[in-house]
Amino acid sequence: MSDGVLVGGDFRIFIQKIAIQGFYALGMVDIPGAPKPEKPNLEAARMVVEDLMMLREKTRGQLDPGEELTLDKYVADLQFQIVERGGRAQ
């Protein structure tokens, strides 16, 4: 952040933006201006997990420990929430 303005290039924020899509699909977060899902969209959440897992594979060995931890945590959290809502994890 610079002078109160968000700047791009932070990998952890990038991962968070992707993961938020999964949490939204599960009905766990509200996105201003977006309709609230009537029920969890497990398939959409699984697709986000698959995308994060693909990103993890493609960036293996290129991330610092904090970035790896962030990516792993979002994958695990989303998988857990999918299972909690009656789905199956990837």
C-alpha atoms as a PDB file:
ATOM      1  CA  MET A   1       0.000   0.000   0.000  1.00  0.00           C
ATOM      2  CA  SER A   2       1.340   3.408  -0.916  1.00  0.00           C
ATOM      3  CA  ASP A   3      -0.314   6.649   0.243  1.00  0.00           C
ATOM      4  CA  GLY A   4      -3.548   4.762   0.968  1.00  0.00           C
ATOM      5  CA  VAL A   5      -3.742   3.262  -2.530  1.00  0.00           C
ATOM      6  CA  LEU A   6      -3.490  -0.486  -3.070  1.00  0.00           C
ATOM      7  CA  VAL A   7      -0.815  -1.542  -5.498  1.00  0.00           C
ATOM      8  CA  GLY A   8      -0.566  -4.772  -7.454  1.00  0.00           C
ATOM      9  CA  GLY A   9       2.162  -7.336  -7.308  1.00  0.00           C
ATOM     10  CA  ASP A  10       1.566  -8.891  -3.872  1.00  0.00           C
ATOM     11  CA  PHE A  11       1.226 -12.626  -4.462  1.00  0.00           C
ATOM     12  CA  ARG A  12      -0.607 -13.249  -1.184  1.00  0.00           C
ATOM     13  CA  ILE A  13      -3.264 -10.669  -2.049  1.00  0.00           C
ATOM     14  CA  PHE A  14      -3.547 -12.208  -5.514  1.00  0.00           C
ATOM     15  CA  ILE A  15      -4.182 -15.639  -3.944  1.00  0.00           C
ATOM     16  CA  GLN A  16      -6.690 -14.108  -1.548  1.00  0.00           C
ATOM     17  CA  LYS A  17      -8.629 -12.575  -4.445  1.00  0.00           C
ATOM     18  CA  ILE A  18      -8.910 -15.979  -6.085  1.00  0.00           C
ATOM     19  CA  ALA A  19      -9.856 -17.740  -2.833  1.00  0.00           C
ATOM     20  CA  ILE A  20     -12.583 -15.174  -2.109  1.00  0.00           C
ATOM     21  CA  GLN A  21     -14.390 -16.463  -5.198  1.00  0.00           C
ATOM     22  CA  GLY A  22     -14.559 -19.897  -3.585  1.00  0.00           C
ATOM     23  CA  PHE A  23     -15.783 -18.527  -0.267  1.00  0.00           C
ATOM     24  CA  TYR A  24     -18.402 -16.494  -2.141  1.00  0.00           C
ATOM     25  CA  ALA A  25     -19.563 -19.615  -4.011  1.00  0.00           C
ATOM     26  CA  LEU A  26     -19.983 -21.304  -0.638  1.00  0.00           C
ATOM     27  CA  GLY A  27     -22.048 -18.381   0.669  1.00  0.00           C
ATOM     28  CA  MET A  28     -19.454 -17.448   3.275  1.00  0.00           C
ATOM     29  CA  VAL A  29     -18.733 -13.888   2.145  1.00  0.00           C
ATOM     30  CA  ASP A  30     -20.784 -11.094   0.657  1.00  0.00           C
ATOM     31  CA  ILE A  31     -19.484  -9.171  -2.321  1.00  0.00           C
ATOM     32  CA  PRO A  32     -20.960  -5.669  -2.570  1.00  0.00           C
ATOM     33  CA  GLY A  33     -23.228  -5.439  -5.597  1.00  0.00           C
ATOM     34  CA  ALA A  34     -23.247  -9.182  -6.230  1.00  0.00           C
ATOM     35  CA  PRO A  35     -26.314 -11.293  -5.521  1.00  0.00           C
ATOM     36  CA  LYS A  36     -26.057 -13.546  -2.482  1.00  0.00           C
ATOM     37  CA  PRO A  37     -26.114 -17.202  -3.519  1.00  0.00           C
ATOM     38  CA  GLU A  38     -29.264 -19.026  -2.404  1.00  0.00           C
ATOM     39  CA  LYS A  39     -27.277 -22.171  -1.646  1.00  0.00           C
ATOM     40  CA  PRO A  40     -23.610 -23.127  -1.764  1.00  0.00           C
ATOM     41  CA  ASN A  41     -22.281 -23.753  -5.258  1.00  0.00           C
ATOM     42  CA  LEU A  42     -19.962 -26.644  -4.468  1.00  0.00           C
ATOM     43  CA  GLU A  43     -18.879 -27.117  -8.072  1.00  0.00           C
ATOM     44  CA  ALA A  44     -17.776 -23.486  -8.402  1.00  0.00           C
ATOM     45  CA  ALA A  45     -15.880 -23.758  -5.113  1.00  0.00           C
ATOM     46  CA  ARG A  46     -14.181 -26.962  -6.328  1.00  0.00           C
ATOM     47  CA  MET A  47     -13.129 -25.165  -9.503  1.00  0.00           C
ATOM     48  CA  VAL A  48     -11.466 -22.457  -7.398  1.00  0.00           C
ATOM     49  CA  VAL A  49      -9.628 -25.151  -5.417  1.00  0.00           C
ATOM     50  CA  GLU A  50      -8.481 -26.749  -8.680  1.00  0.00           C
ATOM     51  CA  ASP A  51      -7.237 -23.365  -9.910  1.00  0.00           C
ATOM     52  CA  LEU A  52      -5.321 -22.751  -6.679  1.00  0.00           C
ATOM     53  CA  MET A  53      -3.828 -26.253  -6.820  1.00  0.00           C
ATOM     54  CA  MET A  54      -2.766 -25.685 -10.420  1.00  0.00           C
ATOM     55  CA  LEU A  55      -1.183 -22.374  -9.442  1.00  0.00           C
ATOM     56  CA  ARG A  56       0.608 -24.109  -6.554  1.00  0.00           C
ATOM     57  CA  GLU A  57       1.997 -26.732  -8.949  1.00  0.00           C
ATOM     58  CA  LYS A  58       3.081 -24.154 -11.551  1.00  0.00           C
ATOM     59  CA  THR A  59       4.852 -21.994  -8.952  1.00  0.00           C
ATOM     60  CA  ARG A  60       6.476 -24.824  -6.961  1.00  0.00           C
ATOM     61  CA  GLY A  61       9.952 -23.771  -5.856  1.00  0.00           C
ATOM     62  CA  GLN A  62       9.390 -20.120  -6.793  1.00  0.00           C
ATOM     63  CA  LEU A  63       7.473 -18.882  -3.737  1.00  0.00           C
ATOM     64  CA  ASP A  64       8.778 -17.625  -0.431  1.00  0.00           C
ATOM     65  CA  PRO A  65       7.639 -19.536   2.684  1.00  0.00           C
ATOM     66  CA  GLY A  66       4.883 -17.019   3.485  1.00  0.00           C
ATOM     67  CA  GLU A  67       3.448 -17.247  -0.018  1.00  0.00           C
ATOM     68  CA  GLU A  68       3.516 -21.051   0.086  1.00  0.00           C
ATOM     69  CA  LEU A  69       1.800 -21.056   3.469  1.00  0.00           C
ATOM     70  CA  THR A  70      -0.885 -18.663   2.249  1.00  0.00           C
ATOM     71  CA  LEU A  71      -1.598 -20.757  -0.832  1.00  0.00           C
ATOM     72  CA  ASP A  72      -1.665 -24.024   1.128  1.00  0.00           C
ATOM     73  CA  LYS A  73      -3.933 -22.523   3.786  1.00  0.00           C
ATOM     74  CA  TYR A  74      -6.516 -21.271   1.297  1.00  0.00           C
ATOM     75  CA  VAL A  75      -6.576 -24.637  -0.483  1.00  0.00           C
ATOM     76  CA  ALA A  76      -7.050 -26.483   2.824  1.00  0.00           C
ATOM     77  CA  ASP A  77      -9.650 -24.014   4.135  1.00  0.00           C
ATOM     78  CA  LEU A  78     -11.724 -24.219   0.968  1.00  0.00           C
ATOM     79  CA  GLN A  79     -11.494 -28.018   0.863  1.00  0.00           C
ATOM     80  CA  PHE A  80     -12.628 -28.188   4.493  1.00  0.00           C
ATOM     81  CA  GLN A  81     -15.571 -25.858   3.869  1.00  0.00           C
ATOM     82  CA  ILE A  82     -16.648 -27.854   0.800  1.00  0.00           C
ATOM     83  CA  VAL A  83     -16.686 -31.052   2.862  1.00  0.00           C
ATOM     84  CA  GLU A  84     -18.534 -29.274   5.689  1.00  0.00           C
ATOM     85  CA  ARG A  85     -21.267 -28.327   3.234  1.00  0.00           C
ATOM     86  CA  GLY A  86     -21.753 -31.882   2.049  1.00  0.00           C
ATOM     87  CA  GLY A  87     -19.361 -31.970  -0.850  1.00  0.00           C
ATOM     88  CA  ARG A  88     -16.194 -33.863  -1.488  1.00  0.00           C
ATOM     89  CA  ALA A  89     -12.722 -32.395  -1.394  1.00  0.00           C
ATOM     90  CA  GLN A  90     -10.357 -32.477  -4.392  1.00  0.00           C
END
